[in-house]
C-alpha atoms as a PDB file:
ATOM      1  CA  MET A   1     100.956  88.709 105.543  1.00  0.00           C
ATOM      2  CA  PRO A   2     102.633  90.637 108.341  1.00  0.00           C
ATOM      3  CA  HIS A   3     100.355  92.057 111.025  1.00  0.00           C
ATOM      4  CA  ASN A   4     101.657  95.589 110.570  1.00  0.00           C
ATOM      5  CA  PHE A   5     101.121  95.617 106.770  1.00  0.00           C
ATOM      6  CA  PHE A   6      97.887  97.608 106.876  1.00  0.00           C
ATOM      7  CA  HIS A   7      98.834  99.705 109.897  1.00  0.00           C
ATOM      8  CA  ARG A   8     102.148 100.777 108.401  1.00  0.00           C
ATOM      9  CA  THR A   9     100.428 101.541 105.089  1.00  0.00           C
ATOM     10  CA  TRP A  10      98.088 104.155 106.615  1.00  0.00           C
ATOM     11  CA  ARG A  11     100.730 105.732 108.854  1.00  0.00           C
ATOM     12  CA  THR A  12     103.154 106.595 106.087  1.00  0.00           C
ATOM     13  CA  LEU A  13     100.888 107.849 103.292  1.00  0.00           C
ATOM     14  CA  THR A  14     101.842 111.162 101.698  1.00  0.00           C
ATOM     15  CA  SER A  15      99.769 113.378  99.423  1.00  0.00           C
ATOM     16  CA  ASN A  16     101.555 111.771  96.463  1.00  0.00           C
ATOM     17  CA  HIS A  17     100.458 108.339  97.699  1.00  0.00           C
ATOM     18  CA  TRP A  18      96.840 109.530  97.892  1.00  0.00           C
ATOM     19  CA  LEU A  19      97.113 110.766  94.302  1.00  0.00           C
ATOM     20  CA  GLN A  20      98.429 107.352  93.255  1.00  0.00           C
ATOM     21  CA  ILE A  21      95.609 105.583  95.110  1.00  0.00           C
ATOM     22  CA  THR A  22      93.045 107.833  93.420  1.00  0.00           C
ATOM     23  CA  ALA A  23      94.582 107.219  89.991  1.00  0.00           C
ATOM     24  CA  VAL A  24      94.664 103.450  90.572  1.00  0.00           C
ATOM     25  CA  THR A  25      91.013 103.518  91.676  1.00  0.00           C
ATOM     26  CA  TYR A  26      89.965 105.423  88.578  1.00  0.00           C
ATOM     27  CA  ILE A  27      92.006 103.351  86.093  1.00  0.00           C
ATOM     28  CA  TYR A  28      90.953 100.036  87.672  1.00  0.00           C
ATOM     29  CA  PHE A  29      87.300 101.108  87.615  1.00  0.00           C
ATOM     30  CA  ILE A  30      87.339 102.222  83.954  1.00  0.00           C
ATOM     31  CA  VAL A  31      89.139  99.101  82.707  1.00  0.00           C
ATOM     32  CA  ALA A  32      86.899  96.858  84.841  1.00  0.00           C
ATOM     33  CA  ARG A  33      83.713  98.486  83.526  1.00  0.00           C
ATOM     34  CA  PHE A  34      84.742  97.761  79.942  1.00  0.00           C
ATOM     35  CA  SER A  35      85.904  94.243  80.836  1.00  0.00           C
ATOM     36  CA  LEU A  36      82.588  93.451  82.518  1.00  0.00           C
ATOM     37  CA  LEU A  37      80.843  93.837  79.168  1.00  0.00           C
ATOM     38  CA  LEU A  38      82.130  90.298  78.459  1.00  0.00           C
ATOM     39  CA  ALA A  39      80.893  88.809  81.759  1.00  0.00           C
ATOM     40  CA  PHE A  40      78.438  85.973  82.301  1.00  0.00           C
ATOM     41  CA  GLU A  41      75.054  87.319  83.342  1.00  0.00           C
ATOM     42  CA  ASN A  42      74.810  88.073  87.104  1.00  0.00           C
ATOM     43  CA  THR A  43      78.324  86.777  87.821  1.00  0.00           C
ATOM     44  CA  ASN A  44      80.974  89.323  86.745  1.00  0.00           C
ATOM     45  CA  ALA A  45      83.064  86.335  85.558  1.00  0.00           C
ATOM     46  CA  THR A  46      84.743  87.151  82.271  1.00  0.00           C
ATOM     47  CA  PRO A  47      87.289  85.246  80.149  1.00  0.00           C
ATOM     48  CA  LEU A  48      89.530  88.332  80.018  1.00  0.00           C
ATOM     49  CA  TRP A  49      90.117  90.459  83.118  1.00  0.00           C
ATOM     50  CA  PRO A  50      92.850  93.065  82.486  1.00  0.00           C
ATOM     51  CA  PRO A  51      92.261  94.736  85.892  1.00  0.00           C
ATOM     52  CA  SER A  52      93.906  91.717  87.512  1.00  0.00           C
ATOM     53  CA  GLY A  53      97.133  92.313  85.609  1.00  0.00           C
ATOM     54  CA  LEU A  54      96.879  96.059  86.173  1.00  0.00           C
ATOM     55  CA  ALA A  55      96.463  95.578  89.921  1.00  0.00           C
ATOM     56  CA  PHE A  56      99.507  93.305  90.060  1.00  0.00           C
ATOM     57  CA  ALA A  57     101.564  95.726  87.959  1.00  0.00           C
ATOM     58  CA  PHE A  58     100.442  98.747  89.998  1.00  0.00           C
ATOM     59  CA  ILE A  59     101.342  97.149  93.301  1.00  0.00           C
ATOM     60  CA  LEU A  60     104.719  95.946  91.989  1.00  0.00           C
ATOM     61  CA  LEU A  61     105.609  99.300  90.426  1.00  0.00           C
ATOM     62  CA  LEU A  62     104.103 101.743  92.924  1.00  0.00           C
ATOM     63  CA  GLY A  63     104.253  99.728  96.129  1.00  0.00           C
ATOM     64  CA  ARG A  64     101.886  98.025  98.485  1.00  0.00           C
ATOM     65  CA  HIS A  65     100.385 101.307  99.708  1.00  0.00           C
ATOM     66  CA  ILE A  66      98.127 101.417  96.624  1.00  0.00           C
ATOM     67  CA  TRP A  67      96.003  98.418  97.720  1.00  0.00           C
ATOM     68  CA  PRO A  68      93.080 100.709  98.723  1.00  0.00           C
ATOM     69  CA  GLY A  69      92.915 101.921  95.114  1.00  0.00           C
ATOM     70  CA  ILE A  70      92.587  98.343  93.908  1.00  0.00           C
ATOM     71  CA  PHE A  71      89.870  97.640  96.460  1.00  0.00           C
ATOM     72  CA  LEU A  72      87.906 100.814  95.687  1.00  0.00           C
ATOM     73  CA  GLY A  73      88.184 100.363  91.920  1.00  0.00           C
ATOM     74  CA  ALA A  74      86.988  96.756  92.151  1.00  0.00           C
ATOM     75  CA  PHE A  75      84.227  97.658  94.598  1.00  0.00           C
ATOM     76  CA  LEU A  76      82.887 100.509  92.460  1.00  0.00           C
ATOM     77  CA  ALA A  77      83.038  98.446  89.255  1.00  0.00           C
ATOM     78  CA  ASN A  78      81.083  95.606  90.862  1.00  0.00           C
ATOM     79  CA  VAL A  79      78.527  97.934  92.468  1.00  0.00           C
ATOM     80  CA  THR A  80      77.959  99.619  89.113  1.00  0.00           C
ATOM     81  CA  ALA A  81      77.617  96.344  87.204  1.00  0.00           C
ATOM     82  CA  TYR A  82      75.280  94.723  89.716  1.00  0.00           C
ATOM     83  CA  THR A  83      73.187  97.888  90.022  1.00  0.00           C
ATOM     84  CA  VAL A  84      72.818  98.205  86.241  1.00  0.00           C
ATOM     85  CA  ASN A  85      71.790  94.530  86.085  1.00  0.00           C
ATOM     86  CA  GLN A  86      69.409  95.038  89.053  1.00  0.00           C
ATOM     87  CA  LEU A  87      70.795  91.892  90.650  1.00  0.00           C
ATOM     88  CA  ALA A  88      69.726  92.557  94.228  1.00  0.00           C
ATOM     89  CA  SER A  89      68.975  95.191  96.834  1.00  0.00           C
ATOM     90  CA  PRO A  90      71.524  97.991  97.388  1.00  0.00           C
ATOM     91  CA  LEU A  91      72.647  96.392 100.670  1.00  0.00           C
ATOM     92  CA  GLU A  92      73.190  92.979  99.045  1.00  0.00           C
ATOM     93  CA  ILE A  93      75.016  94.606  96.132  1.00  0.00           C
ATOM     94  CA  GLY A  94      77.275  96.451  98.570  1.00  0.00           C
ATOM     95  CA  ILE A  95      78.065  93.294 100.524  1.00  0.00           C
ATOM     96  CA  LEU A  96      78.703  91.161  97.442  1.00  0.00           C
ATOM     97  CA  SER A  97      80.804  93.885  95.812  1.00  0.00           C
ATOM     98  CA  SER A  98      82.883  94.257  98.993  1.00  0.00           C
ATOM     99  CA  LEU A  99      83.521  90.522  99.171  1.00  0.00           C
ATOM    100  CA  ILE A 100      84.558  90.338  95.518  1.00  0.00           C
ATOM    101  CA  ALA A 101      86.739  93.458  95.827  1.00  0.00           C
ATOM    102  CA  PHE A 102      88.442  91.877  98.847  1.00  0.00           C
ATOM    103  CA  GLY A 103      89.382  88.862  96.690  1.00  0.00           C
ATOM    104  CA  ASN A 104      90.645  91.070  93.853  1.00  0.00           C
ATOM    105  CA  THR A 105      92.781  93.053  96.289  1.00  0.00           C
ATOM    106  CA  LEU A 106      94.092  90.014  98.145  1.00  0.00           C
ATOM    107  CA  GLU A 107      95.103  88.468  94.820  1.00  0.00           C
ATOM    108  CA  ALA A 108      97.322  91.463  93.972  1.00  0.00           C
ATOM    109  CA  VAL A 109      98.752  91.729  97.505  1.00  0.00           C
ATOM    110  CA  ALA A 110      99.519  87.993  97.636  1.00  0.00           C
ATOM    111  CA  GLY A 111     101.157  88.207  94.207  1.00  0.00           C
ATOM    112  CA  TYR A 112     103.263  91.116  95.480  1.00  0.00           C
ATOM    113  CA  PHE A 113     104.492  89.193  98.528  1.00  0.00           C
ATOM    114  CA  LEU A 114     105.184  86.022  96.521  1.00  0.00           C
ATOM    115  CA  PHE A 115     107.072  88.050  93.926  1.00  0.00           C
ATOM    116  CA  LYS A 116     109.187  89.770  96.584  1.00  0.00           C
ATOM    117  CA  LYS A 117     109.905  86.449  98.305  1.00  0.00           C
ATOM    118  CA  PHE A 118     110.809  84.324  95.275  1.00  0.00           C
ATOM    119  CA  ILE A 119     112.129  86.751  92.657  1.00  0.00           C
ATOM    120  CA  LYS A 120     115.064  88.857  93.728  1.00  0.00           C
ATOM    121  CA  LYS A 121     115.871  90.404  90.351  1.00  0.00           C
ATOM    122  CA  PRO A 122     114.015  93.546  89.200  1.00  0.00           C
ATOM    123  CA  ASP A 123     113.077  92.102  85.772  1.00  0.00           C
ATOM    124  CA  PRO A 124     111.883  88.494  85.965  1.00  0.00           C
ATOM    125  CA  LEU A 125     111.507  88.112  82.210  1.00  0.00           C
ATOM    126  CA  HIS A 126     115.256  88.220  81.491  1.00  0.00           C
ATOM    127  CA  HIS A 127     116.074  85.069  83.442  1.00  0.00           C
ATOM    128  CA  PRO A 128     114.480  81.770  82.321  1.00  0.00           C
ATOM    129  CA  GLN A 129     114.149  80.323  85.825  1.00  0.00           C
ATOM    130  CA  ASP A 130     112.429  83.521  87.013  1.00  0.00           C
ATOM    131  CA  VAL A 131     109.962  83.401  84.105  1.00  0.00           C
ATOM    132  CA  PHE A 132     108.673  80.059  85.385  1.00  0.00           C
ATOM    133  CA  ILE A 133     108.539  81.345  88.958  1.00  0.00           C
ATOM    134  CA  PHE A 134     106.700  84.467  87.757  1.00  0.00           C
ATOM    135  CA  LEU A 135     104.140  82.313  85.914  1.00  0.00           C
ATOM    136  CA  ALA A 136     103.704  80.076  88.969  1.00  0.00           C
ATOM    137  CA  ILE A 137     103.128  83.159  91.131  1.00  0.00           C
ATOM    138  CA  THR A 138     100.593  84.502  88.631  1.00  0.00           C
ATOM    139  CA  PHE A 139      98.700  81.213  88.376  1.00  0.00           C
ATOM    140  CA  SER A 140      98.708  80.792  92.171  1.00  0.00           C
ATOM    141  CA  ALA A 141      97.706  84.352  93.084  1.00  0.00           C
ATOM    142  CA  CYS A 142      94.866  84.276  90.549  1.00  0.00           C
ATOM    143  CA  LEU A 143      93.374  81.301  92.388  1.00  0.00           C
ATOM    144  CA  ILE A 144      92.555  83.606  95.308  1.00  0.00           C
ATOM    145  CA  SER A 145      90.050  85.737  93.411  1.00  0.00           C
ATOM    146  CA  ALA A 146      88.837  82.780  91.339  1.00  0.00           C
ATOM    147  CA  VAL A 147      87.887  80.912  94.517  1.00  0.00           C
ATOM    148  CA  ASN A 148      86.619  83.990  96.376  1.00  0.00           C
ATOM    149  CA  GLY A 149      84.215  85.497  93.818  1.00  0.00           C
ATOM    150  CA  PRO A 150      82.373  82.380  92.627  1.00  0.00           C
ATOM    151  CA  THR A 151      82.205  81.008  96.168  1.00  0.00           C
ATOM    152  CA  TRP A 152      80.407  84.117  97.435  1.00  0.00           C
ATOM    153  CA  LEU A 153      78.107  84.098  94.405  1.00  0.00           C
ATOM    154  CA  TYR A 154      77.243  80.490  95.204  1.00  0.00           C
ATOM    155  CA  LEU A 155      76.932  80.912  98.989  1.00  0.00           C
ATOM    156  CA  LEU A 156      74.719  83.971  98.600  1.00  0.00           C
ATOM    157  CA  GLY A 157      72.467  82.128  96.141  1.00  0.00           C
ATOM    158  CA  TYR A 158      73.228  83.997  92.914  1.00  0.00           C
ATOM    159  CA  VAL A 159      74.494  80.915  91.060  1.00  0.00           C
ATOM    160  CA  ASN A 160      73.904  77.187  91.443  1.00  0.00           C
ATOM    161  CA  TRP A 161      76.576  74.537  91.931  1.00  0.00           C
ATOM    162  CA  ASP A 162      76.576  73.425  88.283  1.00  0.00           C
ATOM    163  CA  LEU A 163      77.347  76.959  87.138  1.00  0.00           C
ATOM    164  CA  TYR A 164      79.915  77.454  89.936  1.00  0.00           C
ATOM    165  CA  LYS A 165      82.489  75.228  88.247  1.00  0.00           C
ATOM    166  CA  THR A 166      82.230  77.089  84.937  1.00  0.00           C
ATOM    167  CA  ILE A 167      82.405  80.472  86.659  1.00  0.00           C
ATOM    168  CA  PHE A 168      85.446  79.397  88.705  1.00  0.00           C
ATOM    169  CA  VAL A 169      87.396  78.273  85.623  1.00  0.00           C
ATOM    170  CA  THR A 170      86.355  81.346  83.618  1.00  0.00           C
ATOM    171  CA  TRP A 171      87.238  83.669  86.526  1.00  0.00           C
ATOM    172  CA  TRP A 172      90.662  82.093  86.958  1.00  0.00           C
ATOM    173  CA  ILE A 173      91.434  82.139  83.215  1.00  0.00           C
ATOM    174  CA  GLY A 174      90.255  85.756  83.030  1.00  0.00           C
ATOM    175  CA  ASP A 175      92.536  86.777  85.886  1.00  0.00           C
ATOM    176  CA  VAL A 176      95.526  84.873  84.479  1.00  0.00           C
ATOM    177  CA  THR A 177      95.070  86.325  80.987  1.00  0.00           C
ATOM    178  CA  GLY A 178      94.681  89.790  82.513  1.00  0.00           C
END
């Protein structure tokens, strides 16, 4: 990821961009809240995670400047879910939610850069070779969040190693199906 990615993003935002970021935050949050109803207890790992697909679509269609909306939507959804479940203290919930939101955001941003690098046509589903590249990008980018979330849950003591493997696979499948 280029060094000036984040710097250039903040410098060039217009009021329309802020509206898009706000809309992305709201939509991501609402869809995530409903999706988390299917999650494993105390993990936020679910076999279907539409926000992952939404984040990828938003960043491809609107541009990379909307990454803060993805982060905020993911952060707020996780804070809400962990608070409702009374998982930990507010500080721990904030830290864990930030770490998970970082992985969700990085997944979409990485997918964006891979897409721009390997697919030059605007519609990848009309060319057979691009369909396979698109699927490879999706499967690869989804590994980022699937490694990030369960790893932090494990390292912070919310899940044990035996459950980690199941959460990882479920998280990855959920992101890919989303």
